[in-house]
């Protein structure tokens, strides 16, 4: 069991690191693709990969229970909206700031949907978590003027709202295999990005290059890999601690974006980021395990 816990930890920390690189990959794709174009390209790559896996495992992606059809349809709308909004945000403001905004939106929407859709109880820890997230957000928009509230920041928050919606929908689709969910999330990205490109008359490429195609393929592979890493990690590691480990994505992203993109946070952004991180993990902490009598000197 101890060995499984170690492997579960490695899976989750690997997932956090990979997620922390996504901002750099989005910026790299922006050299060759438009925002909608890169969503289309990386979703297409992921779709091709997951179709291969489905064929190998002899799974039918459209054969789901009637009860889950409505959840898959809603998921197919929420997921691509999340990645499109996050892509726009990451290409508009500092990538790390986009990620923190994603966590703010996801934190709030996950809890609220859990309360009103999944009928889960909101505890004191949830309200403290909200408070940390909101105060952290205030630090990000300080000093207060209209220019501090950019479209990129708002897009990042709404990307998180839709991501939180996806988390809630995943909770409702307990009997749907992960491969089928990954297929639908990838295919929905292709469909929505295609529709937006057709309606707006937009282009897929800004500057066609083989490097851009290669990065899109790598992105697709990583998107599929994340699903398996998370499934294995949470299946072989404590869920509460796993959530905290996964949140280290924020710090991986901070370091990676500083080293590669040369995007360094301000002091207010560091404080705001720490508060949002605390807000993200506080609901996973079990304070009952802390025994204050152990702190007494005997």
Foldseek 3Di string as FASTA:
>chain_A
DVVLQVLLLVLLLVLLLLLLCVLVLLVVLVQWFDLLLLLQLLLVLLLVVLVVVCVVVVHDLVDDDPVLPVLLVLLLVLLLLLSSLLSVLSVPDPNLLLQLLLLLLLLVLLVVCCCPPVVDDDDPLSVLLNVLLVVLVVLQQPPDDPVSDDSSSVSSNSSNNSVNSNVSSCVVPVPDDLSSSSNSSSVSSNVVSVVVCVVVVHDSTPHDDVVSSVSSNVSSVSSVSSSVSNVSSVVRHPVLVSQLSSLCSSVSNQVVCCVPVVDHDDPSNVSSSVSNSCSRNSVSDDCVPDDVVVVDDD
